C-alpha atoms as a PDB file:
ATOM      1  CA  UNK A   1     -11.622 322.342 110.056  1.00  0.00           C
ATOM      2  CA  UNK A   2     -12.231 324.095 113.821  1.00  0.00           C
ATOM      3  CA  UNK A   3     -15.351 323.194 115.366  1.00  0.00           C
ATOM      4  CA  UNK A   4     -16.411 326.759 117.715  1.00  0.00           C
ATOM      5  CA  UNK A   5     -16.526 326.433 121.312  1.00  0.00           C
ATOM      6  CA  UNK A   6     -17.784 328.661 123.767  1.00  0.00           C
ATOM      7  CA  UNK A   7     -14.806 329.858 125.565  1.00  0.00           C
ATOM      8  CA  UNK A   8     -16.334 327.969 129.083  1.00  0.00           C
ATOM      9  CA  UNK A   9     -16.375 324.838 126.834  1.00  0.00           C
ATOM     10  CA  UNK A  10     -13.212 325.599 125.084  1.00  0.00           C
ATOM     11  CA  UNK A  11     -11.788 326.019 129.168  1.00  0.00           C
ATOM     12  CA  UNK A  12     -13.190 322.542 129.747  1.00  0.00           C
ATOM     13  CA  UNK A  13     -12.250 320.720 127.208  1.00  0.00           C
ATOM     14  CA  UNK A  14      -8.365 321.784 127.143  1.00  0.00           C
ATOM     15  CA  UNK A  15      -8.367 320.445 131.094  1.00  0.00           C
ATOM     16  CA  UNK A  16      -6.506 317.087 131.142  1.00  0.00           C
ATOM     17  CA  UNK A  17      -9.511 314.623 131.588  1.00  0.00           C
ATOM     18  CA  UNK A  18      -8.597 311.882 134.364  1.00  0.00           C
ATOM     19  CA  UNK A  19     -10.259 308.375 134.162  1.00  0.00           C
ATOM     20  CA  UNK A  20     -11.201 306.781 137.627  1.00  0.00           C
ATOM     21  CA  UNK A  21     -11.753 302.687 138.409  1.00  0.00           C
ATOM     22  CA  UNK A  22     -15.289 301.731 138.344  1.00  0.00           C
ATOM     23  CA  UNK A  23     -15.818 300.845 142.199  1.00  0.00           C
ATOM     24  CA  UNK A  24     -18.933 298.755 141.061  1.00  0.00           C
ATOM     25  CA  UNK A  25     -16.461 296.615 138.759  1.00  0.00           C
ATOM     26  CA  UNK A  26     -14.205 296.231 141.642  1.00  0.00           C
ATOM     27  CA  UNK A  27     -16.952 295.013 144.234  1.00  0.00           C
ATOM     28  CA  UNK A  28     -18.553 292.486 141.888  1.00  0.00           C
ATOM     29  CA  UNK A  29     -14.759 291.594 141.055  1.00  0.00           C
ATOM     30  CA  UNK A  30     -13.781 291.016 145.081  1.00  0.00           C
ATOM     31  CA  UNK A  31     -16.910 289.385 145.520  1.00  0.00           C
ATOM     32  CA  UNK A  32     -16.664 286.768 142.042  1.00  0.00           C
ATOM     33  CA  UNK A  33     -12.531 286.199 143.352  1.00  0.00           C
ATOM     34  CA  UNK A  34     -13.470 285.785 146.902  1.00  0.00           C
ATOM     35  CA  UNK A  35     -16.446 283.098 145.578  1.00  0.00           C
ATOM     36  CA  UNK A  36     -13.610 281.620 144.227  1.00  0.00           C
ATOM     37  CA  UNK A  37     -11.012 281.869 146.796  1.00  0.00           C
ATOM     38  CA  UNK A  38     -13.845 279.723 149.349  1.00  0.00           C
ATOM     39  CA  UNK A  39     -14.692 277.094 146.471  1.00  0.00           C
ATOM     40  CA  UNK A  40     -11.334 276.680 145.284  1.00  0.00           C
ATOM     41  CA  UNK A  41      -9.796 276.980 149.262  1.00  0.00           C
ATOM     42  CA  UNK A  42     -12.209 273.984 149.996  1.00  0.00           C
ATOM     43  CA  UNK A  43     -11.233 271.717 147.235  1.00  0.00           C
ATOM     44  CA  UNK A  44      -8.069 272.396 148.159  1.00  0.00           C
ATOM     45  CA  UNK A  45      -8.725 270.984 151.784  1.00  0.00           C
ATOM     46  CA  UNK A  46     -10.498 268.189 150.630  1.00  0.00           C
ATOM     47  CA  UNK A  47      -7.925 266.789 148.413  1.00  0.00           C
ATOM     48  CA  UNK A  48      -4.911 266.703 151.146  1.00  0.00           C
ATOM     49  CA  UNK A  49      -4.540 263.014 150.472  1.00  0.00           C
ATOM     50  CA  UNK A  50      -4.061 263.544 146.783  1.00  0.00           C
ATOM     51  CA  UNK A  51      -0.567 264.801 145.957  1.00  0.00           C
ATOM     52  CA  UNK A  52      -1.178 266.101 142.264  1.00  0.00           C
ATOM     53  CA  UNK A  53      -5.182 266.862 142.762  1.00  0.00           C
ATOM     54  CA  UNK A  54      -4.474 268.774 145.820  1.00  0.00           C
ATOM     55  CA  UNK A  55      -1.480 270.843 144.490  1.00  0.00           C
ATOM     56  CA  UNK A  56      -3.476 271.754 141.323  1.00  0.00           C
ATOM     57  CA  UNK A  57      -6.510 273.353 142.866  1.00  0.00           C
ATOM     58  CA  UNK A  58      -3.902 275.031 145.579  1.00  0.00           C
ATOM     59  CA  UNK A  59      -2.357 276.663 142.566  1.00  0.00           C
ATOM     60  CA  UNK A  60      -5.680 277.974 141.316  1.00  0.00           C
ATOM     61  CA  UNK A  61      -7.113 278.791 144.894  1.00  0.00           C
ATOM     62  CA  UNK A  62      -3.321 281.071 145.107  1.00  0.00           C
ATOM     63  CA  UNK A  63      -4.514 282.759 141.526  1.00  0.00           C
ATOM     64  CA  UNK A  64      -7.684 283.587 142.998  1.00  0.00           C
ATOM     65  CA  UNK A  65      -6.454 284.431 146.019  1.00  0.00           C
ATOM     66  CA  UNK A  66      -3.977 286.996 143.683  1.00  0.00           C
ATOM     67  CA  UNK A  67      -6.921 288.716 141.836  1.00  0.00           C
ATOM     68  CA  UNK A  68      -9.131 289.437 145.411  1.00  0.00           C
ATOM     69  CA  UNK A  69      -6.595 290.782 146.902  1.00  0.00           C
ATOM     70  CA  UNK A  70      -5.626 293.129 143.518  1.00  0.00           C
ATOM     71  CA  UNK A  71      -9.602 294.017 143.332  1.00  0.00           C
ATOM     72  CA  UNK A  72      -9.401 294.948 147.435  1.00  0.00           C
ATOM     73  CA  UNK A  73      -6.316 297.404 146.533  1.00  0.00           C
ATOM     74  CA  UNK A  74      -7.863 298.707 143.398  1.00  0.00           C
ATOM     75  CA  UNK A  75     -10.590 299.609 146.421  1.00  0.00           C
ATOM     76  CA  UNK A  76      -8.223 301.286 148.292  1.00  0.00           C
ATOM     77  CA  UNK A  77      -7.251 304.028 145.846  1.00  0.00           C
ATOM     78  CA  UNK A  78     -10.653 304.793 144.560  1.00  0.00           C
ATOM     79  CA  UNK A  79      -9.942 308.302 144.318  1.00  0.00           C
ATOM     80  CA  UNK A  80      -6.427 308.603 142.335  1.00  0.00           C
ATOM     81  CA  UNK A  81      -6.989 308.678 139.060  1.00  0.00           C
ATOM     82  CA  UNK A  82      -5.954 305.300 137.139  1.00  0.00           C
ATOM     83  CA  UNK A  83      -4.888 307.192 134.023  1.00  0.00           C
ATOM     84  CA  UNK A  84      -4.928 311.053 132.922  1.00  0.00           C
ATOM     85  CA  UNK A  85      -5.349 311.970 129.460  1.00  0.00           C
ATOM     86  CA  UNK A  86      -4.475 315.480 128.857  1.00  0.00           C
ATOM     87  CA  UNK A  87      -3.233 318.073 125.733  1.00  0.00           C
ATOM     88  CA  UNK A  88       0.708 317.095 126.653  1.00  0.00           C
ATOM     89  CA  UNK A  89      -0.274 313.510 126.269  1.00  0.00           C
ATOM     90  CA  UNK A  90      -1.373 310.091 128.665  1.00  0.00           C
ATOM     91  CA  UNK A  91      -0.265 309.748 132.438  1.00  0.00           C
ATOM     92  CA  UNK A  92      -0.151 307.065 133.946  1.00  0.00           C
ATOM     93  CA  UNK A  93      -0.799 306.027 137.631  1.00  0.00           C
ATOM     94  CA  UNK A  94       2.622 305.692 138.186  1.00  0.00           C
ATOM     95  CA  UNK A  95       3.340 308.921 136.936  1.00  0.00           C
ATOM     96  CA  UNK A  96       4.814 308.164 134.077  1.00  0.00           C
ATOM     97  CA  UNK A  97       3.520 310.514 131.050  1.00  0.00           C
ATOM     98  CA  UNK A  98       4.010 309.736 127.399  1.00  0.00           C
ATOM     99  CA  UNK A  99       3.930 312.606 124.617  1.00  0.00           C
ATOM    100  CA  UNK A 100       1.415 312.171 122.068  1.00  0.00           C
ATOM    101  CA  UNK A 101       4.642 312.687 119.304  1.00  0.00           C
ATOM    102  CA  UNK A 102       6.263 310.170 121.502  1.00  0.00           C
ATOM    103  CA  UNK A 103       4.159 307.424 120.616  1.00  0.00           C
ATOM    104  CA  UNK A 104       4.212 305.378 117.481  1.00  0.00           C
ATOM    105  CA  UNK A 105       1.234 302.750 118.449  1.00  0.00           C
ATOM    106  CA  UNK A 106      -1.133 303.336 121.334  1.00  0.00           C
ATOM    107  CA  UNK A 107      -3.964 300.491 121.758  1.00  0.00           C
ATOM    108  CA  UNK A 108      -6.663 299.291 123.655  1.00  0.00           C
ATOM    109  CA  UNK A 109      -6.207 295.169 124.243  1.00  0.00           C
ATOM    110  CA  UNK A 110      -9.641 293.652 125.096  1.00  0.00           C
ATOM    111  CA  UNK A 111      -9.177 289.816 125.031  1.00  0.00           C
ATOM    112  CA  UNK A 112     -11.524 287.505 125.225  1.00  0.00           C
ATOM    113  CA  UNK A 113     -12.027 283.486 125.747  1.00  0.00           C
ATOM    114  CA  UNK A 114     -15.692 282.413 123.963  1.00  0.00           C
ATOM    115  CA  UNK A 115     -17.298 285.572 125.583  1.00  0.00           C
ATOM    116  CA  UNK A 116     -15.427 285.076 128.966  1.00  0.00           C
ATOM    117  CA  UNK A 117     -13.379 288.269 129.505  1.00  0.00           C
ATOM    118  CA  UNK A 118      -9.190 287.570 130.168  1.00  0.00           C
ATOM    119  CA  UNK A 119      -7.464 290.975 130.051  1.00  0.00           C
ATOM    120  CA  UNK A 120      -8.045 294.344 129.139  1.00  0.00           C
ATOM    121  CA  UNK A 121      -5.061 296.982 128.934  1.00  0.00           C
ATOM    122  CA  UNK A 122      -4.071 299.517 127.472  1.00  0.00           C
ATOM    123  CA  UNK A 123      -0.379 299.605 125.439  1.00  0.00           C
ATOM    124  CA  UNK A 124       1.808 302.048 124.261  1.00  0.00           C
ATOM    125  CA  UNK A 125       4.152 302.067 122.124  1.00  0.00           C
ATOM    126  CA  UNK A 126       7.117 304.932 122.490  1.00  0.00           C
ATOM    127  CA  UNK A 127       9.959 306.519 120.548  1.00  0.00           C
ATOM    128  CA  UNK A 128      11.479 306.450 123.794  1.00  0.00           C
ATOM    129  CA  UNK A 129      14.325 304.899 124.319  1.00  0.00           C
ATOM    130  CA  UNK A 130      12.807 303.553 127.837  1.00  0.00           C
ATOM    131  CA  UNK A 131      10.108 303.081 128.096  1.00  0.00           C
ATOM    132  CA  UNK A 132      10.040 301.417 124.753  1.00  0.00           C
ATOM    133  CA  UNK A 133       6.567 300.199 125.796  1.00  0.00           C
ATOM    134  CA  UNK A 134       4.033 301.141 128.733  1.00  0.00           C
ATOM    135  CA  UNK A 135       1.426 299.138 130.226  1.00  0.00           C
ATOM    136  CA  UNK A 136      -1.578 299.435 132.345  1.00  0.00           C
ATOM    137  CA  UNK A 137      -3.804 296.645 133.289  1.00  0.00           C
ATOM    138  CA  UNK A 138      -7.082 298.221 132.758  1.00  0.00           C
ATOM    139  CA  UNK A 139     -10.297 295.853 133.289  1.00  0.00           C
ATOM    140  CA  UNK A 140     -11.971 298.142 136.271  1.00  0.00           C
ATOM    141  CA  UNK A 141     -11.646 301.404 134.150  1.00  0.00           C
ATOM    142  CA  UNK A 142     -14.783 303.112 134.325  1.00  0.00           C
ATOM    143  CA  UNK A 143     -15.086 303.786 130.114  1.00  0.00           C
ATOM    144  CA  UNK A 144     -14.818 301.056 127.851  1.00  0.00           C
ATOM    145  CA  UNK A 145     -12.300 300.613 124.640  1.00  0.00           C
ATOM    146  CA  UNK A 146     -14.111 303.222 122.519  1.00  0.00           C
ATOM    147  CA  UNK A 147     -14.508 306.290 124.772  1.00  0.00           C
ATOM    148  CA  UNK A 148     -10.984 305.823 125.218  1.00  0.00           C
ATOM    149  CA  UNK A 149      -9.795 305.783 121.697  1.00  0.00           C
ATOM    150  CA  UNK A 150     -12.177 308.768 121.479  1.00  0.00           C
ATOM    151  CA  UNK A 151     -10.814 311.061 124.283  1.00  0.00           C
ATOM    152  CA  UNK A 152      -7.536 309.767 122.987  1.00  0.00           C
ATOM    153  CA  UNK A 153      -8.279 311.357 118.981  1.00  0.00           C
ATOM    154  CA  UNK A 154      -9.433 314.276 121.288  1.00  0.00           C
ATOM    155  CA  UNK A 155      -6.842 315.245 123.187  1.00  0.00           C
ATOM    156  CA  UNK A 156      -4.548 313.985 119.995  1.00  0.00           C
ATOM    157  CA  UNK A 157      -5.241 316.933 117.601  1.00  0.00           C
ATOM    158  CA  UNK A 158      -3.231 319.895 118.550  1.00  0.00           C
ATOM    159  CA  UNK A 159      -0.487 317.467 119.144  1.00  0.00           C
ATOM    160  CA  UNK A 160       1.983 320.040 121.516  1.00  0.00           C
ATOM    161  CA  UNK A 161       5.544 319.781 121.613  1.00  0.00           C
ATOM    162  CA  UNK A 162       7.572 317.184 124.504  1.00  0.00           C
ATOM    163  CA  UNK A 163       6.998 317.470 127.717  1.00  0.00           C
ATOM    164  CA  UNK A 164       9.940 317.178 130.594  1.00  0.00           C
ATOM    165  CA  UNK A 165       9.829 314.683 132.634  1.00  0.00           C
END
């Protein structure tokens, strides 16, 4: 059973839905990781005489620096969609398009430990020779897992034949 839609609404529903990164999430992540970078950098500096402690804090400082860099890098590409979900499938930020009929499994992985978010990722297992599994981190997306899966359900209803790449 198909729901009636007026022509304007139907035309809008046919257009692909662009999903962007959230500016607020990226800015707050950059602030948090900058504070962590400063804190663990100071601990690394204070433990210069103790090799084991210095190495431990230096590794954490490097990880915080990497996370800070990823947040700032994401702020530079706010105008480009992270995911483009449409009738033909899901197009990732690197340009890879996976059609709906090429998907074996479409997961939104949201891992946390004791309430602390660890990782959010879209993982799609395909029937293609390459890529067998396509993953993309989506920690800063402007939508959550329920909205992502609802969009996928809406657009995958009218499965179209496989698209050319």
